[in-house]
Amino acid sequence: RSRDVIEQRWLGDGKSTLHDLAEKYGVSAERIRQIEKAAFRKLKSAMAVA
């Protein structure tokens, strides 16, 4: 789910909004923002190790 959030928010053509993704997953926009933040934190950590 976090991968999909990042792909749709930042890598997709349409650049989905938090509200679009919240509706898709049945959660709040705030929860999508939290998922996005955690995914970026994991990505940053993985890149720091490499």
PDB file of N, CA and C in Angstrom:
ATOM      1  N   ARG A   1       0.826  -1.197   0.000  1.00  0.00           N
ATOM      2  CA  ARG A   1       0.000   0.000   0.000  1.00  0.00           C
ATOM      3  C   ARG A   1       0.862   1.249   0.000  1.00  0.00           C
ATOM      4  N   SER A   2       1.929   1.253   0.805  1.00  0.00           N
ATOM      5  CA  SER A   2       2.778   2.449   0.846  1.00  0.00           C
ATOM      6  C   SER A   2       3.456   2.692  -0.500  1.00  0.00           C
ATOM      7  N   ARG A   3       3.844   1.611  -1.154  1.00  0.00           N
ATOM      8  CA  ARG A   3       4.457   1.762  -2.481  1.00  0.00           C
ATOM      9  C   ARG A   3       3.461   2.386  -3.463  1.00  0.00           C
ATOM     10  N   ASP A   4       2.243   1.916  -3.405  1.00  0.00           N
ATOM     11  CA  ASP A   4       1.210   2.441  -4.300  1.00  0.00           C
ATOM     12  C   ASP A   4       0.943   3.919  -4.015  1.00  0.00           C
ATOM     13  N   VAL A   5       0.924   4.283  -2.741  1.00  0.00           N
ATOM     14  CA  VAL A   5       0.705   5.688  -2.377  1.00  0.00           C
ATOM     15  C   VAL A   5       1.806   6.555  -2.971  1.00  0.00           C
ATOM     16  N   ILE A   6       3.062   6.145  -2.806  1.00  0.00           N
ATOM     17  CA  ILE A   6       4.185   6.925  -3.342  1.00  0.00           C
ATOM     18  C   ILE A   6       4.110   6.998  -4.862  1.00  0.00           C
ATOM     19  N   GLU A   7       3.857   5.860  -5.498  1.00  0.00           N
ATOM     20  CA  GLU A   7       3.786   5.843  -6.964  1.00  0.00           C
ATOM     21  C   GLU A   7       2.677   6.760  -7.477  1.00  0.00           C
ATOM     22  N   GLN A   8       1.516   6.683  -6.865  1.00  0.00           N
ATOM     23  CA  GLN A   8       0.392   7.478  -7.367  1.00  0.00           C
ATOM     24  C   GLN A   8       0.513   8.952  -7.016  1.00  0.00           C
ATOM     25  N   ARG A   9       1.124   9.258  -5.867  1.00  0.00           N
ATOM     26  CA  ARG A   9       1.264  10.666  -5.452  1.00  0.00           C
ATOM     27  C   ARG A   9       2.390  11.371  -6.189  1.00  0.00           C
ATOM     28  N   TRP A  10       3.489  10.673  -6.471  1.00  0.00           N
ATOM     29  CA  TRP A  10       4.683  11.343  -6.989  1.00  0.00           C
ATOM     30  C   TRP A  10       5.149  10.866  -8.355  1.00  0.00           C
ATOM     31  N   LEU A  11       4.862   9.625  -8.727  1.00  0.00           N
ATOM     32  CA  LEU A  11       5.407   9.091  -9.973  1.00  0.00           C
ATOM     33  C   LEU A  11       4.376   8.936 -11.084  1.00  0.00           C
ATOM     34  N   GLY A  12       3.121   8.987 -10.742  1.00  0.00           N
ATOM     35  CA  GLY A  12       2.074   8.795 -11.732  1.00  0.00           C
ATOM     36  C   GLY A  12       1.835  10.031 -12.579  1.00  0.00           C
ATOM     37  N   ASP A  13       1.163   9.829 -13.677  1.00  0.00           N
ATOM     38  CA  ASP A  13       0.836  10.938 -14.570  1.00  0.00           C
ATOM     39  C   ASP A  13      -0.203  11.869 -13.952  1.00  0.00           C
ATOM     40  N   GLY A  14      -1.200  11.275 -13.286  1.00  0.00           N
ATOM     41  CA  GLY A  14      -2.289  12.068 -12.742  1.00  0.00           C
ATOM     42  C   GLY A  14      -1.986  12.737 -11.421  1.00  0.00           C
ATOM     43  N   LYS A  15      -0.956  12.275 -10.723  1.00  0.00           N
ATOM     44  CA  LYS A  15      -0.615  12.816  -9.404  1.00  0.00           C
ATOM     45  C   LYS A  15      -1.855  12.850  -8.511  1.00  0.00           C
ATOM     46  N   SER A  16      -2.243  11.702  -8.019  1.00  0.00           N
ATOM     47  CA  SER A  16      -3.430  11.584  -7.173  1.00  0.00           C
ATOM     48  C   SER A  16      -3.308  12.437  -5.914  1.00  0.00           C
ATOM     49  N   THR A  17      -4.428  12.938  -5.452  1.00  0.00           N
ATOM     50  CA  THR A  17      -4.443  13.727  -4.223  1.00  0.00           C
ATOM     51  C   THR A  17      -4.580  12.798  -3.019  1.00  0.00           C
ATOM     52  N   LEU A  18      -4.338  13.349  -1.843  1.00  0.00           N
ATOM     53  CA  LEU A  18      -4.524  12.574  -0.616  1.00  0.00           C
ATOM     54  C   LEU A  18      -5.961  12.080  -0.525  1.00  0.00           C
ATOM     55  N   HIS A  19      -6.895  12.928  -0.911  1.00  0.00           N
ATOM     56  CA  HIS A  19      -8.312  12.558  -0.827  1.00  0.00           C
ATOM     57  C   HIS A  19      -8.676  11.462  -1.830  1.00  0.00           C
ATOM     58  N   ASP A  20      -8.073  11.492  -3.014  1.00  0.00           N
ATOM     59  CA  ASP A  20      -8.313  10.429  -3.999  1.00  0.00           C
ATOM     60  C   ASP A  20      -7.877   9.079  -3.438  1.00  0.00           C
ATOM     61  N   LEU A  21      -6.682   9.049  -2.870  1.00  0.00           N
ATOM     62  CA  LEU A  21      -6.146   7.799  -2.335  1.00  0.00           C
ATOM     63  C   LEU A  21      -6.898   7.361  -1.083  1.00  0.00           C
ATOM     64  N   ALA A  22      -7.327   8.318  -0.280  1.00  0.00           N
ATOM     65  CA  ALA A  22      -8.100   7.991   0.921  1.00  0.00           C
ATOM     66  C   ALA A  22      -9.395   7.284   0.536  1.00  0.00           C
ATOM     67  N   GLU A  23     -10.032   7.786  -0.499  1.00  0.00           N
ATOM     68  CA  GLU A  23     -11.272   7.164  -0.969  1.00  0.00           C
ATOM     69  C   GLU A  23     -10.998   5.764  -1.507  1.00  0.00           C
ATOM     70  N   LYS A  24      -9.912   5.605  -2.228  1.00  0.00           N
ATOM     71  CA  LYS A  24      -9.553   4.305  -2.804  1.00  0.00           C
ATOM     72  C   LYS A  24      -9.334   3.252  -1.719  1.00  0.00           C
ATOM     73  N   TYR A  25      -8.649   3.634  -0.635  1.00  0.00           N
ATOM     74  CA  TYR A  25      -8.307   2.685   0.423  1.00  0.00           C
ATOM     75  C   TYR A  25      -9.296   2.667   1.586  1.00  0.00           C
ATOM     76  N   GLY A  26     -10.257   3.568   1.566  1.00  0.00           N
ATOM     77  CA  GLY A  26     -11.249   3.586   2.626  1.00  0.00           C
ATOM     78  C   GLY A  26     -10.708   4.086   3.958  1.00  0.00           C
ATOM     79  N   VAL A  27      -9.756   5.010   3.897  1.00  0.00           N
ATOM     80  CA  VAL A  27      -9.182   5.610   5.102  1.00  0.00           C
ATOM     81  C   VAL A  27      -9.236   7.128   4.952  1.00  0.00           C
ATOM     82  N   SER A  28      -8.773   7.839   5.977  1.00  0.00           N
ATOM     83  CA  SER A  28      -8.785   9.301   5.910  1.00  0.00           C
ATOM     84  C   SER A  28      -7.584   9.820   5.121  1.00  0.00           C
ATOM     85  N   ALA A  29      -7.694  11.052   4.673  1.00  0.00           N
ATOM     86  CA  ALA A  29      -6.579  11.694   3.974  1.00  0.00           C
ATOM     87  C   ALA A  29      -5.379  11.815   4.907  1.00  0.00           C
ATOM     88  N   GLU A  30      -5.634  12.041   6.180  1.00  0.00           N
ATOM     89  CA  GLU A  30      -4.549  12.127   7.166  1.00  0.00           C
ATOM     90  C   GLU A  30      -3.793  10.804   7.256  1.00  0.00           C
ATOM     91  N   ARG A  31      -4.512   9.690   7.192  1.00  0.00           N
ATOM     92  CA  ARG A  31      -3.857   8.375   7.243  1.00  0.00           C
ATOM     93  C   ARG A  31      -2.988   8.170   6.005  1.00  0.00           C
ATOM     94  N   ILE A  32      -3.441   8.612   4.855  1.00  0.00           N
ATOM     95  CA  ILE A  32      -2.636   8.516   3.636  1.00  0.00           C
ATOM     96  C   ILE A  32      -1.369   9.344   3.794  1.00  0.00           C
ATOM     97  N   ARG A  33      -1.482  10.529   4.384  1.00  0.00           N
ATOM     98  CA  ARG A  33      -0.313  11.374   4.620  1.00  0.00           C
ATOM     99  C   ARG A  33       0.677  10.673   5.549  1.00  0.00           C
ATOM    100  N   GLN A  34       0.173   9.991   6.576  1.00  0.00           N
ATOM    101  CA  GLN A  34       1.035   9.256   7.499  1.00  0.00           C
ATOM    102  C   GLN A  34       1.742   8.104   6.792  1.00  0.00           C
ATOM    103  N   ILE A  35       1.015   7.389   5.941  1.00  0.00           N
ATOM    104  CA  ILE A  35       1.601   6.284   5.176  1.00  0.00           C
ATOM    105  C   ILE A  35       2.694   6.815   4.259  1.00  0.00           C
ATOM    106  N   GLU A  36       2.412   7.934   3.604  1.00  0.00           N
ATOM    107  CA  GLU A  36       3.379   8.560   2.703  1.00  0.00           C
ATOM    108  C   GLU A  36       4.643   8.970   3.472  1.00  0.00           C
ATOM    109  N   LYS A  37       4.462   9.581   4.619  1.00  0.00           N
ATOM    110  CA  LYS A  37       5.597  10.026   5.431  1.00  0.00           C
ATOM    111  C   LYS A  37       6.454   8.837   5.873  1.00  0.00           C
ATOM    112  N   ALA A  38       5.809   7.765   6.310  1.00  0.00           N
ATOM    113  CA  ALA A  38       6.537   6.570   6.735  1.00  0.00           C
ATOM    114  C   ALA A  38       7.289   5.938   5.566  1.00  0.00           C
ATOM    115  N   ALA A  39       6.675   5.921   4.399  1.00  0.00           N
ATOM    116  CA  ALA A  39       7.321   5.343   3.217  1.00  0.00           C
ATOM    117  C   ALA A  39       8.558   6.142   2.826  1.00  0.00           C
ATOM    118  N   PHE A  40       8.466   7.473   2.874  1.00  0.00           N
ATOM    119  CA  PHE A  40       9.631   8.302   2.568  1.00  0.00           C
ATOM    120  C   PHE A  40      10.732   8.109   3.606  1.00  0.00           C
ATOM    121  N   ARG A  41      10.341   7.928   4.867  1.00  0.00           N
ATOM    122  CA  ARG A  41      11.326   7.694   5.921  1.00  0.00           C
ATOM    123  C   ARG A  41      12.072   6.377   5.663  1.00  0.00           C
ATOM    124  N   LYS A  42      11.343   5.329   5.276  1.00  0.00           N
ATOM    125  CA  LYS A  42      11.963   4.039   4.960  1.00  0.00           C
ATOM    126  C   LYS A  42      12.885   4.166   3.751  1.00  0.00           C
ATOM    127  N   LEU A  43      12.432   4.889   2.741  1.00  0.00           N
ATOM    128  CA  LEU A  43      13.228   5.084   1.531  1.00  0.00           C
ATOM    129  C   LEU A  43      14.514   5.837   1.845  1.00  0.00           C
ATOM    130  N   LYS A  44      14.407   6.876   2.640  1.00  0.00           N
ATOM    131  CA  LYS A  44      15.577   7.663   3.029  1.00  0.00           C
ATOM    132  C   LYS A  44      16.567   6.800   3.807  1.00  0.00           C
ATOM    133  N   SER A  45      16.057   5.987   4.711  1.00  0.00           N
ATOM    134  CA  SER A  45      16.907   5.102   5.504  1.00  0.00           C
ATOM    135  C   SER A  45      17.623   4.088   4.613  1.00  0.00           C
ATOM    136  N   ALA A  46      16.902   3.523   3.668  1.00  0.00           N
ATOM    137  CA  ALA A  46      17.495   2.536   2.760  1.00  0.00           C
ATOM    138  C   ALA A  46      18.573   3.167   1.889  1.00  0.00           C
ATOM    139  N   MET A  47      18.365   4.404   1.484  1.00  0.00           N
ATOM    140  CA  MET A  47      19.347   5.081   0.638  1.00  0.00           C
ATOM    141  C   MET A  47      20.580   5.485   1.442  1.00  0.00           C
ATOM    142  N   ALA A  48      20.426   5.771   2.714  1.00  0.00           N
ATOM    143  CA  ALA A  48      21.554   6.152   3.561  1.00  0.00           C
ATOM    144  C   ALA A  48      22.483   4.963   3.785  1.00  0.00           C
ATOM    145  N   VAL A  49      21.927   3.767   3.833  1.00  0.00           N
ATOM    146  CA  VAL A  49      22.714   2.551   4.044  1.00  0.00           C
ATOM    147  C   VAL A  49      23.488   2.184   2.786  1.00  0.00           C
ATOM    148  N   ALA A  50      22.910   2.442   1.637  1.00  0.00           N
ATOM    149  CA  ALA A  50      23.514   2.028   0.362  1.00  0.00           C
ATOM    150  C   ALA A  50      24.726   2.829  -0.017  1.00  0.00           C
TER     151      ALA A  50
END
